[in-house]
C-alpha atoms as a PDB file:
ATOM      1  CA  MET A   1     -15.645-100.384  -6.204  1.00  0.00           C
ATOM      2  CA  THR A   2     -14.744 -96.783  -5.485  1.00  0.00           C
ATOM      3  CA  PHE A   3     -11.140 -95.630  -5.622  1.00  0.00           C
ATOM      4  CA  SER A   4      -9.633 -92.427  -4.309  1.00  0.00           C
ATOM      5  CA  HIS A   5      -6.135 -91.217  -3.600  1.00  0.00           C
ATOM      6  CA  ARG A   6      -4.736 -89.218  -0.773  1.00  0.00           C
ATOM      7  CA  ALA A   7      -1.326 -87.586  -0.985  1.00  0.00           C
ATOM      8  CA  THR A   8       0.581 -87.724   2.280  1.00  0.00           C
ATOM      9  CA  GLY A   9       3.518 -85.499   1.584  1.00  0.00           C
ATOM     10  CA  GLY A  10       5.993 -87.628  -0.337  1.00  0.00           C
ATOM     11  CA  VAL A  11       3.856 -90.781  -0.108  1.00  0.00           C
ATOM     12  CA  GLU A  12       0.711 -91.363  -2.120  1.00  0.00           C
ATOM     13  CA  ARG A  13      -1.600 -93.651  -0.178  1.00  0.00           C
ATOM     14  CA  SER A  14      -4.206 -95.270  -2.398  1.00  0.00           C
ATOM     15  CA  GLN A  15      -7.584 -96.251  -1.088  1.00  0.00           C
ATOM     16  CA  LEU A  16     -10.236 -98.712  -2.090  1.00  0.00           C
ATOM     17  CA  LEU A  17     -13.694 -98.197  -0.630  1.00  0.00           C
ATOM     18  CA  GLY A  18     -16.823 -99.947  -1.751  1.00  0.00           C
ATOM     19  CA  THR A  19     -18.876-103.120  -1.702  1.00  0.00           C
ATOM     20  CA  TRP A  20     -18.318-106.673  -2.810  1.00  0.00           C
ATOM     21  CA  THR A  21     -20.729-109.479  -3.661  1.00  0.00           C
ATOM     22  CA  ALA A  22     -21.675-111.655  -0.720  1.00  0.00           C
ATOM     23  CA  GLY A  23     -20.036-115.069  -0.874  1.00  0.00           C
ATOM     24  CA  MET A  24     -17.438-114.007  -3.417  1.00  0.00           C
ATOM     25  CA  PRO A  25     -13.664-113.640  -2.773  1.00  0.00           C
ATOM     26  CA  LEU A  26     -12.402-110.178  -1.939  1.00  0.00           C
ATOM     27  CA  PRO A  27     -10.892-108.187  -4.836  1.00  0.00           C
ATOM     28  CA  GLU A  28      -7.177-108.577  -5.456  1.00  0.00           C
ATOM     29  CA  PRO A  29      -5.138-105.802  -3.789  1.00  0.00           C
ATOM     30  CA  LYS A  30      -2.914-103.304  -5.592  1.00  0.00           C
ATOM     31  CA  GLY A  31       0.334-102.031  -4.079  1.00  0.00           C
ATOM     32  CA  THR A  32       1.501-102.871  -0.565  1.00  0.00           C
ATOM     33  CA  VAL A  33      -1.625-103.205   1.550  1.00  0.00           C
ATOM     34  CA  ILE A  34      -1.215-101.628   4.984  1.00  0.00           C
ATOM     35  CA  SER A  35      -4.785-101.949   6.244  1.00  0.00           C
ATOM     36  CA  GLN A  36      -7.815-104.000   5.277  1.00  0.00           C
ATOM     37  CA  CYS A  37     -11.157-103.990   7.029  1.00  0.00           C
ATOM     38  CA  GLY A  38     -14.819-104.417   6.319  1.00  0.00           C
ATOM     39  CA  TRP A  39     -18.349-104.771   7.591  1.00  0.00           C
ATOM     40  CA  ALA A  40     -20.894-107.546   7.002  1.00  0.00           C
ATOM     41  CA  ASP A  41     -22.988-110.065   8.882  1.00  0.00           C
ATOM     42  CA  ARG A  42     -20.921-112.919  10.306  1.00  0.00           C
ATOM     43  CA  PRO A  43     -22.061-115.659   7.860  1.00  0.00           C
ATOM     44  CA  THR A  44     -21.121-113.466   4.898  1.00  0.00           C
ATOM     45  CA  LEU A  45     -17.681-112.767   6.347  1.00  0.00           C
ATOM     46  CA  ILE A  46     -16.999-116.458   6.915  1.00  0.00           C
ATOM     47  CA  ALA A  47     -18.292-117.374   3.444  1.00  0.00           C
ATOM     48  CA  SER A  48     -15.888-114.833   1.944  1.00  0.00           C
ATOM     49  CA  GLY A  49     -12.884-116.557   3.506  1.00  0.00           C
ATOM     50  CA  ILE A  50     -12.106-113.791   5.991  1.00  0.00           C
ATOM     51  CA  ASP A  51     -11.234-116.369   8.654  1.00  0.00           C
ATOM     52  CA  LYS A  52      -8.300-117.421   6.444  1.00  0.00           C
ATOM     53  CA  LEU A  53      -6.994-113.847   6.179  1.00  0.00           C
ATOM     54  CA  VAL A  54      -6.877-112.701   9.787  1.00  0.00           C
ATOM     55  CA  ASN A  55      -3.531-114.337  10.563  1.00  0.00           C
ATOM     56  CA  THR A  56      -1.704-112.989   7.508  1.00  0.00           C
ATOM     57  CA  GLY A  57       0.855-110.181   7.716  1.00  0.00           C
ATOM     58  CA  VAL A  58      -1.588-107.510   6.553  1.00  0.00           C
ATOM     59  CA  PRO A  59      -3.392-105.800   9.475  1.00  0.00           C
ATOM     60  CA  GLN A  60      -7.001-107.035   9.257  1.00  0.00           C
ATOM     61  CA  PHE A  61     -10.179-105.948  11.004  1.00  0.00           C
ATOM     62  CA  TRP A  62     -13.662-107.291  10.331  1.00  0.00           C
ATOM     63  CA  LEU A  63     -16.833-105.965  11.913  1.00  0.00           C
ATOM     64  CA  CYS A  64     -20.027-107.992  12.197  1.00  0.00           C
ATOM     65  CA  GLY A  65     -23.416-106.351  12.034  1.00  0.00           C
ATOM     66  CA  GLY A  66     -26.853-106.430  10.519  1.00  0.00           C
ATOM     67  CA  GLY A  67     -28.553-109.417   9.005  1.00  0.00           C
ATOM     68  CA  GLY A  68     -27.162-109.147   5.514  1.00  0.00           C
ATOM     69  CA  GLU A  69     -29.647-106.457   4.456  1.00  0.00           C
ATOM     70  CA  LEU A  70     -26.980-104.214   2.904  1.00  0.00           C
ATOM     71  CA  ALA A  71     -24.077-105.152   0.655  1.00  0.00           C
ATOM     72  CA  PRO A  72     -20.827-105.997   2.482  1.00  0.00           C
ATOM     73  CA  VAL A  73     -18.342-103.125   2.630  1.00  0.00           C
ATOM     74  CA  ILE A  74     -14.569-103.288   2.238  1.00  0.00           C
ATOM     75  CA  GLN A  75     -11.987-100.612   2.968  1.00  0.00           C
ATOM     76  CA  ARG A  76      -8.336-101.014   2.029  1.00  0.00           C
ATOM     77  CA  PHE A  77      -5.333 -98.690   2.220  1.00  0.00           C
ATOM     78  CA  ALA A  78      -2.167 -99.365   0.243  1.00  0.00           C
ATOM     79  CA  LEU A  79       1.219 -97.786  -0.394  1.00  0.00           C
ATOM     80  CA  PRO A  80       3.176 -97.970  -3.651  1.00  0.00           C
ATOM     81  CA  ASP A  81       5.163-101.215  -3.854  1.00  0.00           C
ATOM     82  CA  ASN A  82       8.472 -99.359  -3.481  1.00  0.00           C
ATOM     83  CA  ALA A  83       7.430 -97.335  -0.410  1.00  0.00           C
ATOM     84  CA  PRO A  84       9.293 -98.460   2.724  1.00  0.00           C
ATOM     85  CA  CYS A  85       7.092 -99.422   5.657  1.00  0.00           C
ATOM     86  CA  GLN A  86       7.420-101.232   8.974  1.00  0.00           C
ATOM     87  CA  LEU A  87       4.922-103.780  10.271  1.00  0.00           C
ATOM     88  CA  ILE A  88       3.720-103.331  13.857  1.00  0.00           C
ATOM     89  CA  SER A  89       2.623-106.401  15.830  1.00  0.00           C
ATOM     90  CA  ARG A  90       1.100-107.114  19.233  1.00  0.00           C
ATOM     91  CA  HIS A  91       0.791-110.597  20.752  1.00  0.00           C
ATOM     92  CA  GLY A  92       1.592-112.237  17.429  1.00  0.00           C
ATOM     93  CA  LYS A  93      -1.038-110.291  15.496  1.00  0.00           C
ATOM     94  CA  SER A  94      -0.288-107.618  12.892  1.00  0.00           C
ATOM     95  CA  VAL A  95      -1.977-104.433  14.091  1.00  0.00           C
ATOM     96  CA  GLY A  96      -0.459-101.648  12.021  1.00  0.00           C
ATOM     97  CA  VAL A  97       2.127-100.184   9.712  1.00  0.00           C
ATOM     98  CA  ARG A  98       4.559 -97.292  10.084  1.00  0.00           C
ATOM     99  CA  TYR A  99       5.501 -95.331   6.969  1.00  0.00           C
ATOM    100  CA  ALA A 100       7.030 -91.919   6.348  1.00  0.00           C
ATOM    101  CA  ASP A 101       7.562 -89.051   3.935  1.00  0.00           C
ATOM    102  CA  ALA A 102       9.981 -86.137   3.941  1.00  0.00           C
ATOM    103  CA  ASP A 103       8.076 -84.282   6.655  1.00  0.00           C
ATOM    104  CA  ALA A 104       6.512 -86.804   9.020  1.00  0.00           C
ATOM    105  CA  GLU A 105       6.172 -90.364  10.227  1.00  0.00           C
ATOM    106  CA  TYR A 106       2.768 -92.040  10.188  1.00  0.00           C
ATOM    107  CA  ALA A 107       1.357 -95.048  11.991  1.00  0.00           C
ATOM    108  CA  LEU A 108      -1.915 -96.588  10.850  1.00  0.00           C
ATOM    109  CA  LEU A 109      -3.196 -99.114  13.377  1.00  0.00           C
ATOM    110  CA  THR A 110      -5.968-101.492  12.348  1.00  0.00           C
ATOM    111  CA  GLY A 111      -8.057-103.650  14.647  1.00  0.00           C
ATOM    112  CA  VAL A 112      -6.228-103.238  17.948  1.00  0.00           C
ATOM    113  CA  LEU A 113      -7.718-105.636  20.504  1.00  0.00           C
ATOM    114  CA  PRO A 114      -7.664-105.691  24.320  1.00  0.00           C
ATOM    115  CA  ALA A 115      -5.124-108.059  25.822  1.00  0.00           C
ATOM    116  CA  ASP A 116      -7.790-110.056  27.695  1.00  0.00           C
ATOM    117  CA  GLN A 117     -11.113-110.446  25.906  1.00  0.00           C
ATOM    118  CA  THR A 118     -12.634-112.162  28.962  1.00  0.00           C
ATOM    119  CA  ALA A 119     -12.262-109.001  31.087  1.00  0.00           C
ATOM    120  CA  SER A 120     -15.152-106.624  31.733  1.00  0.00           C
ATOM    121  CA  PRO A 121     -15.958-104.132  28.952  1.00  0.00           C
ATOM    122  CA  THR A 122     -14.524-101.229  30.965  1.00  0.00           C
ATOM    123  CA  LYS A 123     -11.280-103.117  31.612  1.00  0.00           C
ATOM    124  CA  GLN A 124     -11.144-104.015  27.930  1.00  0.00           C
ATOM    125  CA  THR A 125     -11.482-100.297  27.151  1.00  0.00           C
ATOM    126  CA  ALA A 126      -8.471 -99.416  29.292  1.00  0.00           C
ATOM    127  CA  SER A 127      -6.582-102.345  27.780  1.00  0.00           C
ATOM    128  CA  VAL A 128      -7.263-101.367  24.171  1.00  0.00           C
ATOM    129  CA  PHE A 129      -5.884 -97.873  24.816  1.00  0.00           C
ATOM    130  CA  GLU A 130      -2.841 -99.425  26.491  1.00  0.00           C
ATOM    131  CA  GLU A 131      -2.375-101.671  23.450  1.00  0.00           C
ATOM    132  CA  ILE A 132      -2.579 -98.655  21.118  1.00  0.00           C
ATOM    133  CA  GLU A 133       0.043 -96.903  23.209  1.00  0.00           C
ATOM    134  CA  ALA A 134       2.331 -99.960  23.240  1.00  0.00           C
ATOM    135  CA  ALA A 135       2.018-100.383  19.459  1.00  0.00           C
ATOM    136  CA  LEU A 136       2.943 -96.734  18.916  1.00  0.00           C
ATOM    137  CA  ASN A 137       5.873 -97.029  21.339  1.00  0.00           C
ATOM    138  CA  GLU A 138       7.317 -99.762  19.120  1.00  0.00           C
ATOM    139  CA  VAL A 139       7.831 -97.197  16.342  1.00  0.00           C
ATOM    140  CA  GLY A 140       8.944 -94.261  18.482  1.00  0.00           C
ATOM    141  CA  MET A 141       5.554 -92.615  18.934  1.00  0.00           C
ATOM    142  CA  ASP A 142       3.211 -92.153  21.872  1.00  0.00           C
ATOM    143  CA  PHE A 143      -0.415 -91.305  22.592  1.00  0.00           C
ATOM    144  CA  SER A 144       0.173 -87.595  21.976  1.00  0.00           C
ATOM    145  CA  ASN A 145       0.807 -88.347  18.283  1.00  0.00           C
ATOM    146  CA  ILE A 146      -2.723 -89.664  17.682  1.00  0.00           C
ATOM    147  CA  ALA A 147      -4.842 -87.619  15.283  1.00  0.00           C
ATOM    148  CA  ARG A 148      -7.879 -89.885  15.146  1.00  0.00           C
ATOM    149  CA  ASN A 149      -9.370 -93.003  16.748  1.00  0.00           C
ATOM    150  CA  TRP A 150     -12.104 -95.410  15.631  1.00  0.00           C
ATOM    151  CA  LEU A 151     -13.718 -97.302  18.517  1.00  0.00           C
ATOM    152  CA  TYR A 152     -16.125-100.162  17.830  1.00  0.00           C
ATOM    153  CA  MET A 153     -18.113-101.467  20.809  1.00  0.00           C
ATOM    154  CA  ASP A 154     -20.307-104.531  20.945  1.00  0.00           C
ATOM    155  CA  ARG A 155     -23.672-103.801  22.644  1.00  0.00           C
ATOM    156  CA  ILE A 156     -22.699-100.153  22.940  1.00  0.00           C
ATOM    157  CA  LEU A 157     -25.949 -98.983  24.559  1.00  0.00           C
ATOM    158  CA  GLU A 158     -25.434-101.354  27.485  1.00  0.00           C
ATOM    159  CA  TRP A 159     -22.165 -99.753  28.597  1.00  0.00           C
ATOM    160  CA  TYR A 160     -21.548 -96.459  26.785  1.00  0.00           C
ATOM    161  CA  ASP A 161     -21.401 -94.413  30.002  1.00  0.00           C
ATOM    162  CA  PRO A 162     -18.846 -96.761  31.638  1.00  0.00           C
ATOM    163  CA  PHE A 163     -16.884 -96.656  28.380  1.00  0.00           C
ATOM    164  CA  ASN A 164     -16.765 -92.856  28.528  1.00  0.00           C
ATOM    165  CA  ARG A 165     -15.565 -92.939  32.129  1.00  0.00           C
ATOM    166  CA  ALA A 166     -12.863 -95.474  31.273  1.00  0.00           C
ATOM    167  CA  ARG A 167     -11.704 -93.384  28.317  1.00  0.00           C
ATOM    168  CA  ASP A 168     -11.707 -90.229  30.457  1.00  0.00           C
ATOM    169  CA  ASP A 169      -9.601 -91.954  33.123  1.00  0.00           C
ATOM    170  CA  PHE A 170      -7.055 -93.089  30.555  1.00  0.00           C
ATOM    171  CA  PHE A 171      -6.922 -89.674  28.859  1.00  0.00           C
ATOM    172  CA  ARG A 172      -6.351 -87.979  32.230  1.00  0.00           C
ATOM    173  CA  SER A 173      -3.582 -90.424  33.069  1.00  0.00           C
ATOM    174  CA  ARG A 174      -1.812 -89.587  29.782  1.00  0.00           C
ATOM    175  CA  LYS A 175      -2.536 -85.816  30.023  1.00  0.00           C
ATOM    176  CA  VAL A 176      -4.436 -85.883  26.721  1.00  0.00           C
ATOM    177  CA  TYR A 177      -6.561 -82.938  27.855  1.00  0.00           C
ATOM    178  CA  ASP A 178      -3.438 -80.807  28.150  1.00  0.00           C
ATOM    179  CA  SER A 179      -2.977 -80.881  24.368  1.00  0.00           C
ATOM    180  CA  MET A 180      -5.139 -81.959  21.422  1.00  0.00           C
ATOM    181  CA  VAL A 181      -7.936 -84.453  22.000  1.00  0.00           C
ATOM    182  CA  PRO A 182      -8.077 -86.780  18.965  1.00  0.00           C
ATOM    183  CA  ALA A 183     -11.003 -86.957  16.578  1.00  0.00           C
ATOM    184  CA  SER A 184     -13.000 -90.152  17.002  1.00  0.00           C
ATOM    185  CA  THR A 185     -15.833 -92.415  15.993  1.00  0.00           C
ATOM    186  CA  GLY A 186     -17.515 -94.471  18.718  1.00  0.00           C
ATOM    187  CA  ILE A 187     -20.037 -96.848  17.162  1.00  0.00           C
ATOM    188  CA  GLY A 188     -21.856-100.020  18.090  1.00  0.00           C
ATOM    189  CA  SER A 189     -20.537-103.084  16.296  1.00  0.00           C
ATOM    190  CA  ALA A 190     -19.403-106.571  17.165  1.00  0.00           C
ATOM    191  CA  ASN A 191     -16.193-107.889  15.614  1.00  0.00           C
ATOM    192  CA  LEU A 192     -15.012-111.220  14.273  1.00  0.00           C
ATOM    193  CA  PHE A 193     -12.678-111.689  17.271  1.00  0.00           C
ATOM    194  CA  GLY A 194     -15.482-111.459  19.841  1.00  0.00           C
ATOM    195  CA  THR A 195     -14.070-108.673  22.020  1.00  0.00           C
ATOM    196  CA  ALA A 196     -16.221-106.009  23.694  1.00  0.00           C
ATOM    197  CA  ILE A 197     -14.210-103.261  21.987  1.00  0.00           C
ATOM    198  CA  ALA A 198     -11.668-102.939  19.207  1.00  0.00           C
ATOM    199  CA  ALA A 199      -9.947 -99.886  17.772  1.00  0.00           C
ATOM    200  CA  SER A 200      -8.104 -98.346  14.855  1.00  0.00           C
ATOM    201  CA  THR A 201      -5.887 -95.255  14.950  1.00  0.00           C
ATOM    202  CA  ILE A 202      -3.930 -92.852  12.766  1.00  0.00           C
ATOM    203  CA  ALA A 203      -0.925 -91.178  14.397  1.00  0.00           C
ATOM    204  CA  VAL A 204       1.359 -88.488  12.957  1.00  0.00           C
ATOM    205  CA  LYS A 205       4.806 -87.412  14.179  1.00  0.00           C
ATOM    206  CA  PRO A 206       6.557 -84.417  12.540  1.00  0.00           C
ATOM    207  CA  LYS A 207      10.191 -84.998  11.633  1.00  0.00           C
ATOM    208  CA  ARG A 208      11.073 -81.428  12.603  1.00  0.00           C
ATOM    209  CA  PRO A 209       9.246 -78.509  14.217  1.00  0.00           C
ATOM    210  CA  GLY A 210       6.679 -77.012  11.866  1.00  0.00           C
ATOM    211  CA  SER A 211       7.116 -79.576   9.078  1.00  0.00           C
ATOM    212  CA  ILE A 212       3.520 -80.693   9.584  1.00  0.00           C
ATOM    213  CA  THR A 213       0.779 -79.512  11.936  1.00  0.00           C
ATOM    214  CA  VAL A 214      -2.117 -81.414  13.455  1.00  0.00           C
ATOM    215  CA  GLN A 215      -4.884 -79.342  15.026  1.00  0.00           C
ATOM    216  CA  ALA A 216      -8.436 -79.755  16.316  1.00  0.00           C
ATOM    217  CA  VAL A 217     -11.261 -78.198  14.296  1.00  0.00           C
ATOM    218  CA  ASP A 218     -14.517 -77.032  15.887  1.00  0.00           C
ATOM    219  CA  SER A 219     -18.017 -77.626  14.529  1.00  0.00           C
ATOM    220  CA  PRO A 220     -19.723 -74.327  13.602  1.00  0.00           C
ATOM    221  CA  LEU A 221     -23.172 -75.820  14.364  1.00  0.00           C
ATOM    222  CA  GLN A 222     -22.409 -77.727  17.557  1.00  0.00           C
ATOM    223  CA  CYS A 223     -20.728 -77.344  20.915  1.00  0.00           C
ATOM    224  CA  THR A 224     -17.599 -79.324  21.662  1.00  0.00           C
ATOM    225  CA  ALA A 225     -18.240 -82.973  22.473  1.00  0.00           C
ATOM    226  CA  GLN A 226     -16.369 -82.476  25.738  1.00  0.00           C
ATOM    227  CA  ALA A 227     -19.069 -80.011  26.813  1.00  0.00           C
ATOM    228  CA  TYR A 228     -21.407 -82.972  27.378  1.00  0.00           C
ATOM    229  CA  GLY A 229     -18.798 -85.437  28.592  1.00  0.00           C
ATOM    230  CA  SER A 230     -17.537 -87.163  25.441  1.00  0.00           C
ATOM    231  CA  SER A 231     -13.795 -86.967  24.919  1.00  0.00           C
ATOM    232  CA  PHE A 232     -13.145 -86.307  21.234  1.00  0.00           C
ATOM    233  CA  SER A 233     -12.649 -83.366  18.908  1.00  0.00           C
ATOM    234  CA  ARG A 234     -15.287 -82.724  16.238  1.00  0.00           C
ATOM    235  CA  ALA A 235     -12.588 -82.911  13.573  1.00  0.00           C
ATOM    236  CA  VAL A 236      -8.815 -82.790  13.164  1.00  0.00           C
ATOM    237  CA  GLU A 237      -6.871 -81.225  10.302  1.00  0.00           C
ATOM    238  CA  ILE A 238      -3.437 -82.418   9.172  1.00  0.00           C
ATOM    239  CA  ASP A 239      -1.620 -79.603   7.363  1.00  0.00           C
ATOM    240  CA  ALA A 240       1.401 -80.848   5.419  1.00  0.00           C
ATOM    241  CA  ALA A 241       3.452 -79.826   2.423  1.00  0.00           C
ATOM    242  CA  GLY A 242       1.129 -79.909  -0.559  1.00  0.00           C
ATOM    243  CA  TYR A 243      -2.140 -80.856   1.100  1.00  0.00           C
ATOM    244  CA  ARG A 244      -4.560 -80.395   3.984  1.00  0.00           C
ATOM    245  CA  SER A 245      -6.431 -83.443   5.250  1.00  0.00           C
ATOM    246  CA  LEU A 246      -9.592 -83.095   7.338  1.00  0.00           C
ATOM    247  CA  LEU A 247     -10.711 -86.023   9.494  1.00  0.00           C
ATOM    248  CA  ILE A 248     -14.293 -85.450  10.678  1.00  0.00           C
ATOM    249  CA  SER A 249     -15.420 -87.466  13.687  1.00  0.00           C
ATOM    250  CA  GLY A 250     -18.602 -89.476  13.847  1.00  0.00           C
ATOM    251  CA  THR A 251     -21.319 -86.820  13.571  1.00  0.00           C
ATOM    252  CA  ALA A 252     -25.017 -87.092  14.413  1.00  0.00           C
ATOM    253  CA  SER A 253     -28.218 -85.081  14.867  1.00  0.00           C
ATOM    254  CA  ILE A 254     -27.124 -83.156  17.952  1.00  0.00           C
ATOM    255  CA  ALA A 255     -28.110 -79.585  18.821  1.00  0.00           C
ATOM    256  CA  PRO A 256     -25.592 -76.889  19.837  1.00  0.00           C
ATOM    257  CA  GLY A 257     -26.204 -77.683  23.505  1.00  0.00           C
ATOM    258  CA  GLY A 258     -25.666 -81.419  23.110  1.00  0.00           C
ATOM    259  CA  ALA A 259     -29.249 -82.730  22.998  1.00  0.00           C
ATOM    260  CA  THR A 260     -30.553 -85.090  20.323  1.00  0.00           C
ATOM    261  CA  VAL A 261     -32.678 -83.330  17.692  1.00  0.00           C
ATOM    262  CA  HIS A 262     -35.507 -84.723  15.485  1.00  0.00           C
ATOM    263  CA  ILE A 263     -36.207 -87.757  17.638  1.00  0.00           C
ATOM    264  CA  GLY A 264     -37.894 -90.525  15.669  1.00  0.00           C
ATOM    265  CA  ASP A 265     -37.418 -88.851  12.271  1.00  0.00           C
ATOM    266  CA  GLU A 266     -34.553 -90.429  10.316  1.00  0.00           C
ATOM    267  CA  THR A 267     -34.894 -88.048   7.351  1.00  0.00           C
ATOM    268  CA  LYS A 268     -34.547 -84.924   9.479  1.00  0.00           C
ATOM    269  CA  GLN A 269     -31.674 -86.498  11.422  1.00  0.00           C
ATOM    270  CA  LEU A 270     -29.932 -87.249   8.125  1.00  0.00           C
ATOM    271  CA  GLU A 271     -30.434 -83.666   6.945  1.00  0.00           C
ATOM    272  CA  LEU A 272     -29.047 -82.124  10.128  1.00  0.00           C
ATOM    273  CA  THR A 273     -26.104 -84.544  10.205  1.00  0.00           C
ATOM    274  CA  LEU A 274     -25.179 -83.514   6.655  1.00  0.00           C
ATOM    275  CA  ASP A 275     -25.631 -79.829   7.553  1.00  0.00           C
ATOM    276  CA  VAL A 276     -23.177 -80.211  10.421  1.00  0.00           C
ATOM    277  CA  VAL A 277     -20.594 -82.089   8.340  1.00  0.00           C
ATOM    278  CA  GLU A 278     -20.940 -79.593   5.495  1.00  0.00           C
ATOM    279  CA  ALA A 279     -20.399 -76.684   7.884  1.00  0.00           C
ATOM    280  CA  ILE A 280     -17.184 -78.280   9.160  1.00  0.00           C
ATOM    281  CA  LEU A 281     -15.989 -78.814   5.587  1.00  0.00           C
ATOM    282  CA  ARG A 282     -16.728 -75.221   4.595  1.00  0.00           C
ATOM    283  CA  SER A 283     -15.066 -73.857   7.724  1.00  0.00           C
ATOM    284  CA  ARG A 284     -11.835 -75.258   6.268  1.00  0.00           C
ATOM    285  CA  GLY A 285     -12.478 -74.080   2.702  1.00  0.00           C
ATOM    286  CA  MET A 286     -13.629 -77.510   1.531  1.00  0.00           C
ATOM    287  CA  ASP A 287     -16.829 -79.066   0.201  1.00  0.00           C
ATOM    288  CA  TRP A 288     -18.189 -82.495  -0.707  1.00  0.00           C
ATOM    289  CA  GLY A 289     -15.986 -82.583  -3.781  1.00  0.00           C
ATOM    290  CA  GLU A 290     -12.934 -82.922  -1.505  1.00  0.00           C
ATOM    291  CA  ALA A 291     -14.368 -85.978   0.297  1.00  0.00           C
ATOM    292  CA  THR A 292     -12.189 -89.086  -0.061  1.00  0.00           C
ATOM    293  CA  ARG A 293     -13.814 -91.535   2.366  1.00  0.00           C
ATOM    294  CA  GLY A 294     -16.933 -91.667   4.463  1.00  0.00           C
ATOM    295  CA  VAL A 295     -19.125 -94.103   6.349  1.00  0.00           C
ATOM    296  CA  MET A 296     -22.809 -93.591   7.053  1.00  0.00           C
ATOM    297  CA  TYR A 297     -23.947 -95.688  10.006  1.00  0.00           C
ATOM    298  CA  LEU A 298     -27.681 -96.466  10.040  1.00  0.00           C
ATOM    299  CA  LYS A 299     -29.310 -97.773  13.191  1.00  0.00           C
ATOM    300  CA  ARG A 300     -31.766 -99.832  11.129  1.00  0.00           C
ATOM    301  CA  PRO A 301     -31.610-101.082   7.528  1.00  0.00           C
ATOM    302  CA  GLU A 302     -34.988 -99.563   6.660  1.00  0.00           C
ATOM    303  CA  PHE A 303     -33.380 -96.101   6.908  1.00  0.00           C
ATOM    304  CA  PHE A 304     -31.390 -96.843   3.753  1.00  0.00           C
ATOM    305  CA  LYS A 305     -34.178 -95.587   1.471  1.00  0.00           C
ATOM    306  CA  ALA A 306     -34.314 -92.225   3.261  1.00  0.00           C
ATOM    307  CA  TRP A 307     -30.510 -91.978   3.090  1.00  0.00           C
ATOM    308  CA  GLN A 308     -30.530 -92.574  -0.661  1.00  0.00           C
ATOM    309  CA  GLN A 309     -33.237 -89.956  -1.151  1.00  0.00           C
ATOM    310  CA  VAL A 310     -31.370 -87.370   0.922  1.00  0.00           C
ATOM    311  CA  ARG A 311     -28.124 -88.055  -0.964  1.00  0.00           C
ATOM    312  CA  GLU A 312     -29.858 -87.513  -4.288  1.00  0.00           C
ATOM    313  CA  LYS A 313     -31.597 -84.367  -3.083  1.00  0.00           C
ATOM    314  CA  ARG A 314     -28.321 -82.826  -1.892  1.00  0.00           C
ATOM    315  CA  GLY A 315     -26.316 -83.828  -4.955  1.00  0.00           C
ATOM    316  CA  ILE A 316     -23.861 -86.075  -3.099  1.00  0.00           C
ATOM    317  CA  ALA A 317     -24.969 -89.457  -4.431  1.00  0.00           C
ATOM    318  CA  GLU A 318     -21.517 -89.982  -5.969  1.00  0.00           C
ATOM    319  CA  ALA A 319     -19.574 -89.026  -2.840  1.00  0.00           C
ATOM    320  CA  PRO A 320     -17.373 -91.932  -1.605  1.00  0.00           C
ATOM    321  CA  ILE A 321     -19.554 -92.799   1.384  1.00  0.00           C
ATOM    322  CA  SER A 322     -20.213 -96.419   2.321  1.00  0.00           C
ATOM    323  CA  THR A 323     -23.299 -97.417   4.269  1.00  0.00           C
ATOM    324  CA  ILE A 324     -23.524 -99.997   7.039  1.00  0.00           C
ATOM    325  CA  VAL A 325     -25.986-101.010   9.732  1.00  0.00           C
ATOM    326  CA  ALA A 326     -24.620-100.306  13.210  1.00  0.00           C
ATOM    327  CA  ASP A 327     -25.887 -99.120  16.567  1.00  0.00           C
ATOM    328  CA  ILE A 328     -25.426 -95.474  17.556  1.00  0.00           C
ATOM    329  CA  CYS A 329     -24.310 -94.343  21.016  1.00  0.00           C
ATOM    330  CA  ARG A 330     -27.760 -93.036  22.069  1.00  0.00           C
ATOM    331  CA  ASP A 331     -31.162 -94.734  21.847  1.00  0.00           C
ATOM    332  CA  ASP A 332     -32.651 -91.731  20.055  1.00  0.00           C
ATOM    333  CA  LEU A 333     -29.846 -91.213  17.499  1.00  0.00           C
ATOM    334  CA  LEU A 334     -30.706 -92.978  14.253  1.00  0.00           C
ATOM    335  CA  VAL A 335     -27.760 -92.134  11.990  1.00  0.00           C
ATOM    336  CA  GLU A 336     -24.112 -91.103  12.201  1.00  0.00           C
ATOM    337  CA  LEU A 337     -21.631 -89.999   9.535  1.00  0.00           C
ATOM    338  CA  GLU A 338     -17.827 -89.852   9.529  1.00  0.00           C
ATOM    339  CA  LEU A 339     -15.931 -88.237   6.660  1.00  0.00           C
ATOM    340  CA  ASP A 340     -12.373 -87.634   5.437  1.00  0.00           C
ATOM    341  CA  ALA A 341     -11.562 -84.874   2.958  1.00  0.00           C
ATOM    342  CA  VAL A 342      -8.357 -83.710   1.292  1.00  0.00           C
ATOM    343  CA  MET A 343      -7.493 -80.423  -0.422  1.00  0.00           C
ATOM    344  CA  LYS A 344      -4.312 -79.824  -2.368  1.00  0.00           C
ATOM    345  CA  LYS A 345      -2.530 -76.614  -1.487  1.00  0.00           C
ATOM    346  CA  GLU A 346      -1.735 -74.059  -4.163  1.00  0.00           C
END
């Protein structure tokens, strides 16, 4: 297992990120768990007893993918046992936790589902955003407080364009384009609940003007995603007392104009993806040493060898980056990386 810690003002949020042995129980949690999720093929998830966890109070989210080629991955966030927090529920399911420090309130939503999983994928998309909004409303927040989204779509290549249109329609209806567009990952993965889409979100609400700032960060090596019709910011930075946190969106081998680069070559796509992420880090005075959590999505398991070789070559083999098999939003994109990084302020 890999552990890291992220200071959020007056609250230290601990993080577990790593793999567990297929068929074995999940590791015992430490502190008050506010989010638990993971990725594995469906038989492995069931064998690990996940089906017995999904109705507990802890927000749970389990993604199904691959054929068991890579080790199952677990991600868990926890607060100290004495940190006050408020559970957020929708339709009888725990979907998030609100917590706070001296400067801001936070809401971490995990595994938000559409209200009707029998609806069309586009209607499920609108519904999942409505469910996010309703969950945030329960704790005095709204869609404008969102810093980052994670969107997991089953059979993503069959309906990615309709998904984008549905997201655009919702964002226009909530005037998201008038302020900051959240960072995001949009990746192809089924989930244990069987919906076409499911989502997670981090939202931040300052307690007073200027106590904390949340701003979009551009990619020095790419155009904005909105330039080619995808509604997310390349990264978002949360600047609070004592730390700066950088949330880098799902990033792939895309040229400045928006076209896919190095088609058919997973090694070159990996290299460019890392170049782009590294440039974003350095634009904010950070480097790989500040990374606290990352996920590398590989379109096919056979790309794992190339990924390991590239990591070794670039000296980031020890960076806290998990690897899973998942579909990418374009046929010709083979890999995608998301990354979080934190730097303490002097």
